[in-house]
Full PDB file with SEQRES, HELIX, SHEET, SSBOND, CRYST1, ORIGX, SCALE, CONECT and MASTER records, all heavy atoms in Angstrom:
SEQRES   1 A   29  PRO ASP LEU PRO MET ILE GLN ILE GLU ALA ALA GLU LEU          
SEQRES   2 A   29  VAL TRP ARG LYS LEU ASP SER LEU LEU SER GLY PHE ASN          
SEQRES   3 A   29  LEU GLU ILE                                                  
HELIX    1 AA1 MET A    5  SER A   23  1                                  19    
CRYST1    1.000    1.000    1.000  90.00  90.00  90.00 P 1           1          
ORIGX1      1.000000  0.000000  0.000000        0.00000                         
ORIGX2      0.000000  1.000000  0.000000        0.00000                         
ORIGX3      0.000000  0.000000  1.000000        0.00000                         
SCALE1      1.000000  0.000000  0.000000        0.00000                         
SCALE2      0.000000  1.000000  0.000000        0.00000                         
SCALE3      0.000000  0.000000  1.000000        0.00000                         
ATOM      1  N   PRO A   1       2.623  -9.270  16.997  1.00  0.00           N  
ATOM      2  CA  PRO A   1       1.628  -8.802  17.964  1.00  0.00           C  
ATOM      3  C   PRO A   1       1.805  -7.304  18.254  1.00  0.00           C  
ATOM      4  O   PRO A   1       2.935  -6.810  18.265  1.00  0.00           O  
ATOM      5  CB  PRO A   1       1.903  -9.659  19.207  1.00  0.00           C  
ATOM      6  CG  PRO A   1       3.325 -10.073  19.079  1.00  0.00           C  
ATOM      7  CD  PRO A   1       3.617 -10.140  17.593  1.00  0.00           C  
ATOM      8  N   ASP A   2       0.725  -6.630  18.452  1.00  0.00           N  
ATOM      9  CA  ASP A   2       0.747  -5.210  18.851  1.00  0.00           C  
ATOM     10  C   ASP A   2       1.502  -4.315  17.874  1.00  0.00           C  
ATOM     11  O   ASP A   2       2.275  -3.440  18.283  1.00  0.00           O  
ATOM     12  CB  ASP A   2       1.327  -5.065  20.265  1.00  0.00           C  
ATOM     13  CG  ASP A   2       0.540  -5.851  21.278  1.00  0.00           C  
ATOM     14  OD1 ASP A   2      -0.705  -5.890  21.169  1.00  0.00           O  
ATOM     15  OD2 ASP A   2       1.150  -6.431  22.183  1.00  0.00           O  
ATOM     16  N   LEU A   3       1.302  -4.516  16.596  1.00  0.00           N  
ATOM     17  CA  LEU A   3       1.924  -3.669  15.591  1.00  0.00           C  
ATOM     18  C   LEU A   3       1.376  -2.245  15.749  1.00  0.00           C  
ATOM     19  O   LEU A   3       0.157  -2.034  15.751  1.00  0.00           O  
ATOM     20  CB  LEU A   3       1.632  -4.199  14.184  1.00  0.00           C  
ATOM     21  CG  LEU A   3       2.294  -3.470  13.021  1.00  0.00           C  
ATOM     22  CD1 LEU A   3       3.809  -3.658  13.081  1.00  0.00           C  
ATOM     23  CD2 LEU A   3       1.753  -4.004  11.693  1.00  0.00           C  
ATOM     24  N   PRO A   4       2.242  -1.239  15.879  1.00  0.00           N  
ATOM     25  CA  PRO A   4       1.774   0.133  16.051  1.00  0.00           C  
ATOM     26  C   PRO A   4       0.944   0.597  14.839  1.00  0.00           C  
ATOM     27  O   PRO A   4       1.285   0.277  13.694  1.00  0.00           O  
ATOM     28  CB  PRO A   4       3.060   0.949  16.187  1.00  0.00           C  
ATOM     29  CG  PRO A   4       4.104  -0.024  16.578  1.00  0.00           C  
ATOM     30  CD  PRO A   4       3.705  -1.333  15.978  1.00  0.00           C  
ATOM     31  N   MET A   5      -0.089   1.345  15.115  1.00  0.00           N  
ATOM     32  CA  MET A   5      -0.972   1.840  14.067  1.00  0.00           C  
ATOM     33  C   MET A   5      -0.201   2.660  13.021  1.00  0.00           C  
ATOM     34  O   MET A   5      -0.517   2.590  11.845  1.00  0.00           O  
ATOM     35  CB  MET A   5      -2.099   2.684  14.677  1.00  0.00           C  
ATOM     36  CG  MET A   5      -3.107   3.162  13.647  1.00  0.00           C  
ATOM     37  SD  MET A   5      -3.886   1.845  12.673  1.00  0.00           S  
ATOM     38  CE  MET A   5      -4.957   1.123  13.869  1.00  0.00           C  
ATOM     39  N   ILE A   6       0.829   3.375  13.433  1.00  0.00           N  
ATOM     40  CA  ILE A   6       1.599   4.183  12.485  1.00  0.00           C  
ATOM     41  C   ILE A   6       2.268   3.293  11.434  1.00  0.00           C  
ATOM     42  O   ILE A   6       2.368   3.689  10.270  1.00  0.00           O  
ATOM     43  CB  ILE A   6       2.646   5.069  13.238  1.00  0.00           C  
ATOM     44  CG1 ILE A   6       3.255   6.083  12.291  1.00  0.00           C  
ATOM     45  CG2 ILE A   6       3.720   4.241  13.878  1.00  0.00           C  
ATOM     46  CD1 ILE A   6       2.356   7.238  11.991  1.00  0.00           C  
ATOM     47  N   GLN A   7       2.679   2.100  11.812  1.00  0.00           N  
ATOM     48  CA  GLN A   7       3.289   1.200  10.843  1.00  0.00           C  
ATOM     49  C   GLN A   7       2.234   0.629   9.874  1.00  0.00           C  
ATOM     50  O   GLN A   7       2.499   0.461   8.700  1.00  0.00           O  
ATOM     51  CB  GLN A   7       4.046   0.067  11.543  1.00  0.00           C  
ATOM     52  CG  GLN A   7       5.341   0.558  12.166  1.00  0.00           C  
ATOM     53  CD  GLN A   7       6.147  -0.554  12.795  1.00  0.00           C  
ATOM     54  OE1 GLN A   7       5.591  -1.551  13.268  1.00  0.00           O  
ATOM     55  NE2 GLN A   7       7.447  -0.385  12.821  1.00  0.00           N  
ATOM     56  N   ILE A   8       1.060   0.333  10.399  1.00  0.00           N  
ATOM     57  CA  ILE A   8      -0.034  -0.138   9.535  1.00  0.00           C  
ATOM     58  C   ILE A   8      -0.391   0.958   8.536  1.00  0.00           C  
ATOM     59  O   ILE A   8      -0.566   0.692   7.336  1.00  0.00           O  
ATOM     60  CB  ILE A   8      -1.251  -0.540  10.379  1.00  0.00           C  
ATOM     61  CG1 ILE A   8      -0.911  -1.769  11.236  1.00  0.00           C  
ATOM     62  CG2 ILE A   8      -2.469  -0.794   9.504  1.00  0.00           C  
ATOM     63  CD1 ILE A   8      -1.968  -2.096  12.275  1.00  0.00           C  
ATOM     64  N   GLU A   9      -0.504   2.196   9.004  1.00  0.00           N  
ATOM     65  CA  GLU A   9      -0.840   3.312   8.127  1.00  0.00           C  
ATOM     66  C   GLU A   9       0.257   3.544   7.083  1.00  0.00           C  
ATOM     67  O   GLU A   9      -0.056   3.843   5.916  1.00  0.00           O  
ATOM     68  CB  GLU A   9      -1.074   4.584   8.947  1.00  0.00           C  
ATOM     69  CG  GLU A   9      -2.330   4.508   9.786  1.00  0.00           C  
ATOM     70  CD  GLU A   9      -2.453   5.647  10.790  1.00  0.00           C  
ATOM     71  OE1 GLU A   9      -1.504   6.458  10.929  1.00  0.00           O  
ATOM     72  OE2 GLU A   9      -3.513   5.734  11.435  1.00  0.00           O  
ATOM     73  N   ALA A  10       1.511   3.389   7.475  1.00  0.00           N  
ATOM     74  CA  ALA A  10       2.630   3.562   6.530  1.00  0.00           C  
ATOM     75  C   ALA A  10       2.569   2.495   5.445  1.00  0.00           C  
ATOM     76  O   ALA A  10       2.751   2.792   4.244  1.00  0.00           O  
ATOM     77  CB  ALA A  10       3.962   3.503   7.261  1.00  0.00           C  
ATOM     78  N   ALA A  11       2.284   1.257   5.835  1.00  0.00           N  
ATOM     79  CA  ALA A  11       2.174   0.173   4.847  1.00  0.00           C  
ATOM     80  C   ALA A  11       1.014   0.430   3.898  1.00  0.00           C  
ATOM     81  O   ALA A  11       1.138   0.221   2.678  1.00  0.00           O  
ATOM     82  CB  ALA A  11       2.016  -1.165   5.552  1.00  0.00           C  
ATOM     83  N   GLU A  12      -0.102   0.924   4.423  1.00  0.00           N  
ATOM     84  CA  GLU A  12      -1.263   1.220   3.563  1.00  0.00           C  
ATOM     85  C   GLU A  12      -0.945   2.340   2.568  1.00  0.00           C  
ATOM     86  O   GLU A  12      -1.399   2.314   1.429  1.00  0.00           O  
ATOM     87  CB  GLU A  12      -2.496   1.560   4.398  1.00  0.00           C  
ATOM     88  CG  GLU A  12      -3.098   0.356   5.091  1.00  0.00           C  
ATOM     89  CD  GLU A  12      -3.456  -0.784   4.130  1.00  0.00           C  
ATOM     90  OE1 GLU A  12      -4.003  -0.519   3.030  1.00  0.00           O  
ATOM     91  OE2 GLU A  12      -3.166  -1.933   4.478  1.00  0.00           O  
ATOM     92  N   LEU A  13      -0.177   3.320   3.015  1.00  0.00           N  
ATOM     93  CA  LEU A  13       0.243   4.392   2.111  1.00  0.00           C  
ATOM     94  C   LEU A  13       1.100   3.838   0.974  1.00  0.00           C  
ATOM     95  O   LEU A  13       0.897   4.168  -0.197  1.00  0.00           O  
ATOM     96  CB  LEU A  13       1.031   5.459   2.875  1.00  0.00           C  
ATOM     97  CG  LEU A  13       1.611   6.598   2.044  1.00  0.00           C  
ATOM     98  CD1 LEU A  13       0.498   7.408   1.390  1.00  0.00           C  
ATOM     99  CD2 LEU A  13       2.492   7.496   2.891  1.00  0.00           C  
ATOM    100  N   VAL A  14       2.024   2.940   1.286  1.00  0.00           N  
ATOM    101  CA  VAL A  14       2.844   2.309   0.244  1.00  0.00           C  
ATOM    102  C   VAL A  14       1.974   1.503  -0.688  1.00  0.00           C  
ATOM    103  O   VAL A  14       2.125   1.567  -1.916  1.00  0.00           O  
ATOM    104  CB  VAL A  14       3.962   1.447   0.872  1.00  0.00           C  
ATOM    105  CG1 VAL A  14       4.708   0.656  -0.210  1.00  0.00           C  
ATOM    106  CG2 VAL A  14       4.932   2.310   1.660  1.00  0.00           C  
ATOM    107  N   TRP A  15       0.997   0.750  -0.145  1.00  0.00           N  
ATOM    108  CA  TRP A  15       0.099  -0.025  -0.995  1.00  0.00           C  
ATOM    109  C   TRP A  15      -0.684   0.864  -1.948  1.00  0.00           C  
ATOM    110  O   TRP A  15      -0.861   0.528  -3.122  1.00  0.00           O  
ATOM    111  CB  TRP A  15      -0.865  -0.884  -0.154  1.00  0.00           C  
ATOM    112  CG  TRP A  15      -0.283  -2.196   0.246  1.00  0.00           C  
ATOM    113  CD1 TRP A  15      -0.116  -2.660   1.506  1.00  0.00           C  
ATOM    114  CD2 TRP A  15       0.232  -3.220  -0.612  1.00  0.00           C  
ATOM    115  NE1 TRP A  15       0.479  -3.891   1.497  1.00  0.00           N  
ATOM    116  CE2 TRP A  15       0.682  -4.271   0.202  1.00  0.00           C  
ATOM    117  CE3 TRP A  15       0.339  -3.355  -1.991  1.00  0.00           C  
ATOM    118  CZ2 TRP A  15       1.241  -5.436  -0.308  1.00  0.00           C  
ATOM    119  CZ3 TRP A  15       0.894  -4.524  -2.510  1.00  0.00           C  
ATOM    120  CH2 TRP A  15       1.351  -5.548  -1.672  1.00  0.00           C  
ATOM    121  N   ARG A  16      -1.162   2.007  -1.463  1.00  0.00           N  
ATOM    122  CA  ARG A  16      -1.917   2.915  -2.347  1.00  0.00           C  
ATOM    123  C   ARG A  16      -1.015   3.385  -3.500  1.00  0.00           C  
ATOM    124  O   ARG A  16      -1.455   3.456  -4.634  1.00  0.00           O  
ATOM    125  CB  ARG A  16      -2.466   4.111  -1.564  1.00  0.00           C  
ATOM    126  CG  ARG A  16      -3.701   3.751  -0.758  1.00  0.00           C  
ATOM    127  CD  ARG A  16      -4.431   4.979  -0.242  1.00  0.00           C  
ATOM    128  NE  ARG A  16      -3.674   5.791   0.692  1.00  0.00           N  
ATOM    129  CZ  ARG A  16      -3.614   5.576   1.991  1.00  0.00           C  
ATOM    130  NH1 ARG A  16      -4.277   4.570   2.537  1.00  0.00           N  
ATOM    131  NH2 ARG A  16      -2.909   6.349   2.781  1.00  0.00           N  
ATOM    132  N   LYS A  17       0.232   3.712  -3.184  1.00  0.00           N  
ATOM    133  CA  LYS A  17       1.147   4.156  -4.243  1.00  0.00           C  
ATOM    134  C   LYS A  17       1.457   3.009  -5.216  1.00  0.00           C  
ATOM    135  O   LYS A  17       1.510   3.216  -6.439  1.00  0.00           O  
ATOM    136  CB  LYS A  17       2.426   4.715  -3.638  1.00  0.00           C  
ATOM    137  CG  LYS A  17       2.183   6.026  -2.919  1.00  0.00           C  
ATOM    138  CD  LYS A  17       3.476   6.694  -2.530  1.00  0.00           C  
ATOM    139  CE  LYS A  17       3.209   8.053  -1.920  1.00  0.00           C  
ATOM    140  NZ  LYS A  17       2.932   9.094  -2.878  1.00  0.00           N  
ATOM    141  N   LEU A  18       1.662   1.795  -4.676  1.00  0.00           N  
ATOM    142  CA  LEU A  18       1.935   0.651  -5.545  1.00  0.00           C  
ATOM    143  C   LEU A  18       0.712   0.317  -6.421  1.00  0.00           C  
ATOM    144  O   LEU A  18       0.861   0.003  -7.613  1.00  0.00           O  
ATOM    145  CB  LEU A  18       2.347  -0.566  -4.713  1.00  0.00           C  
ATOM    146  CG  LEU A  18       3.710  -0.487  -4.045  1.00  0.00           C  
ATOM    147  CD1 LEU A  18       3.913  -1.682  -3.116  1.00  0.00           C  
ATOM    148  CD2 LEU A  18       4.827  -0.396  -5.064  1.00  0.00           C  
ATOM    149  N   ASP A  19      -0.473   0.377  -5.831  1.00  0.00           N  
ATOM    150  CA  ASP A  19      -1.690   0.112  -6.609  1.00  0.00           C  
ATOM    151  C   ASP A  19      -1.829   1.138  -7.748  1.00  0.00           C  
ATOM    152  O   ASP A  19      -2.212   0.779  -8.861  1.00  0.00           O  
ATOM    153  CB  ASP A  19      -2.918   0.153  -5.713  1.00  0.00           C  
ATOM    154  CG  ASP A  19      -3.037  -1.074  -4.809  1.00  0.00           C  
ATOM    155  OD1 ASP A  19      -2.433  -2.110  -5.115  1.00  0.00           O  
ATOM    156  OD2 ASP A  19      -3.748  -0.953  -3.774  1.00  0.00           O  
ATOM    157  N   SER A  20      -1.515   2.376  -7.461  1.00  0.00           N  
ATOM    158  CA  SER A  20      -1.556   3.423  -8.490  1.00  0.00           C  
ATOM    159  C   SER A  20      -0.542   3.146  -9.587  1.00  0.00           C  
ATOM    160  O   SER A  20      -0.856   3.265 -10.771  1.00  0.00           O  
ATOM    161  CB  SER A  20      -1.312   4.783  -7.848  1.00  0.00           C  
ATOM    162  OG  SER A  20      -1.283   5.808  -8.818  1.00  0.00           O  
ATOM    163  N   LEU A  21       0.648   2.765  -9.189  1.00  0.00           N  
ATOM    164  CA  LEU A  21       1.690   2.429 -10.172  1.00  0.00           C  
ATOM    165  C   LEU A  21       1.252   1.237 -11.037  1.00  0.00           C  
ATOM    166  O   LEU A  21       1.378   1.277 -12.270  1.00  0.00           O  
ATOM    167  CB  LEU A  21       2.988   2.097  -9.446  1.00  0.00           C  
ATOM    168  CG  LEU A  21       4.148   1.619 -10.315  1.00  0.00           C  
ATOM    169  CD1 LEU A  21       4.652   2.737 -11.208  1.00  0.00           C  
ATOM    170  CD2 LEU A  21       5.280   1.094  -9.424  1.00  0.00           C  
ATOM    171  N   LEU A  22       0.715   0.205 -10.417  1.00  0.00           N  
ATOM    172  CA  LEU A  22       0.270  -0.975 -11.161  1.00  0.00           C  
ATOM    173  C   LEU A  22      -0.861  -0.637 -12.140  1.00  0.00           C  
ATOM    174  O   LEU A  22      -0.901  -1.171 -13.236  1.00  0.00           O  
ATOM    175  CB  LEU A  22      -0.197  -2.059 -10.193  1.00  0.00           C  
ATOM    176  CG  LEU A  22       0.875  -2.796  -9.436  1.00  0.00           C  
ATOM    177  CD1 LEU A  22       0.264  -3.745  -8.419  1.00  0.00           C  
ATOM    178  CD2 LEU A  22       1.799  -3.545 -10.361  1.00  0.00           C  
ATOM    179  N   SER A  23      -1.759   0.241 -11.711  1.00  0.00           N  
ATOM    180  CA  SER A  23      -2.889   0.571 -12.592  1.00  0.00           C  
ATOM    181  C   SER A  23      -2.405   1.210 -13.887  1.00  0.00           C  
ATOM    182  O   SER A  23      -3.027   1.061 -14.947  1.00  0.00           O  
ATOM    183  CB  SER A  23      -3.908   1.472 -11.880  1.00  0.00           C  
ATOM    184  OG  SER A  23      -3.381   2.770 -11.700  1.00  0.00           O  
ATOM    185  N   GLY A  24      -1.260   1.901 -13.855  1.00  0.00           N  
ATOM    186  CA  GLY A  24      -0.685   2.463 -15.069  1.00  0.00           C  
ATOM    187  C   GLY A  24      -0.236   1.394 -16.052  1.00  0.00           C  
ATOM    188  O   GLY A  24      -0.068   1.657 -17.244  1.00  0.00           O  
ATOM    189  N   PHE A  25      -0.021   0.194 -15.551  1.00  0.00           N  
ATOM    190  CA  PHE A  25       0.360  -0.947 -16.393  1.00  0.00           C  
ATOM    191  C   PHE A  25      -0.806  -1.916 -16.601  1.00  0.00           C  
ATOM    192  O   PHE A  25      -0.614  -3.051 -17.045  1.00  0.00           O  
ATOM    193  CB  PHE A  25       1.537  -1.713 -15.746  1.00  0.00           C  
ATOM    194  CG  PHE A  25       2.816  -0.938 -15.720  1.00  0.00           C  
ATOM    195  CD1 PHE A  25       3.191  -0.246 -14.604  1.00  0.00           C  
ATOM    196  CD2 PHE A  25       3.637  -0.905 -16.856  1.00  0.00           C  
ATOM    197  CE1 PHE A  25       4.380   0.479 -14.562  1.00  0.00           C  
ATOM    198  CE2 PHE A  25       4.817  -0.184 -16.820  1.00  0.00           C  
ATOM    199  CZ  PHE A  25       5.198   0.502 -15.680  1.00  0.00           C  
ATOM    200  N   ASN A  26      -2.017  -1.473 -16.261  1.00  0.00           N  
ATOM    201  CA  ASN A  26      -3.226  -2.299 -16.353  1.00  0.00           C  
ATOM    202  C   ASN A  26      -3.137  -3.559 -15.485  1.00  0.00           C  
ATOM    203  O   ASN A  26      -3.640  -4.608 -15.860  1.00  0.00           O  
ATOM    204  CB  ASN A  26      -3.526  -2.674 -17.809  1.00  0.00           C  
ATOM    205  CG  ASN A  26      -3.883  -1.477 -18.649  1.00  0.00           C  
ATOM    206  OD1 ASN A  26      -4.788  -0.723 -18.288  1.00  0.00           O  
ATOM    207  ND2 ASN A  26      -3.170  -1.271 -19.729  1.00  0.00           N  
ATOM    208  N   LEU A  27      -2.447  -3.447 -14.360  1.00  0.00           N  
ATOM    209  CA  LEU A  27      -2.301  -4.567 -13.435  1.00  0.00           C  
ATOM    210  C   LEU A  27      -2.985  -4.253 -12.127  1.00  0.00           C  
ATOM    211  O   LEU A  27      -3.038  -3.095 -11.697  1.00  0.00           O  
ATOM    212  CB  LEU A  27      -0.821  -4.836 -13.141  1.00  0.00           C  
ATOM    213  CG  LEU A  27       0.000  -5.482 -14.230  1.00  0.00           C  
ATOM    214  CD1 LEU A  27       1.482  -5.360 -13.939  1.00  0.00           C  
ATOM    215  CD2 LEU A  27      -0.391  -6.951 -14.368  1.00  0.00           C  
ATOM    216  N   GLU A  28      -3.508  -5.289 -11.475  1.00  0.00           N  
ATOM    217  CA  GLU A  28      -4.099  -5.148 -10.156  1.00  0.00           C  
ATOM    218  C   GLU A  28      -3.688  -6.365  -9.349  1.00  0.00           C  
ATOM    219  O   GLU A  28      -3.718  -7.491  -9.839  1.00  0.00           O  
ATOM    220  CB  GLU A  28      -5.617  -5.078 -10.272  1.00  0.00           C  
ATOM    221  CG  GLU A  28      -6.333  -4.876  -8.973  1.00  0.00           C  
ATOM    222  CD  GLU A  28      -7.845  -4.829  -9.147  1.00  0.00           C  
ATOM    223  OE1 GLU A  28      -8.323  -4.618 -10.271  1.00  0.00           O  
ATOM    224  OE2 GLU A  28      -8.526  -5.023  -8.127  1.00  0.00           O  
ATOM    225  N   ILE A  29      -3.293  -6.160  -8.112  1.00  0.00           N  
ATOM    226  CA  ILE A  29      -2.883  -7.264  -7.249  1.00  0.00           C  
ATOM    227  C   ILE A  29      -4.087  -7.782  -6.474  1.00  0.00           C  
ATOM    228  O   ILE A  29      -4.929  -6.998  -6.031  1.00  0.00           O  
ATOM    229  CB  ILE A  29      -1.732  -6.849  -6.309  1.00  0.00           C  
ATOM    230  CG1 ILE A  29      -1.178  -8.057  -5.570  1.00  0.00           C  
ATOM    231  CG2 ILE A  29      -2.159  -5.765  -5.356  1.00  0.00           C  
ATOM    232  CD1 ILE A  29       0.118  -7.785  -4.826  1.00  0.00           C  
TER     233      ILE A  29                                                      
MASTER        0    0    0    1    0    0    0    6  232    1    0    3          
END                                                                             
């Protein structure tokens, strides 16, 4: 409950980087 927005934004930043990494291997989650 009440997860700070900064943590949500940090997780989204990691997801963007992971999605970019996966795309180099022709993978998508």
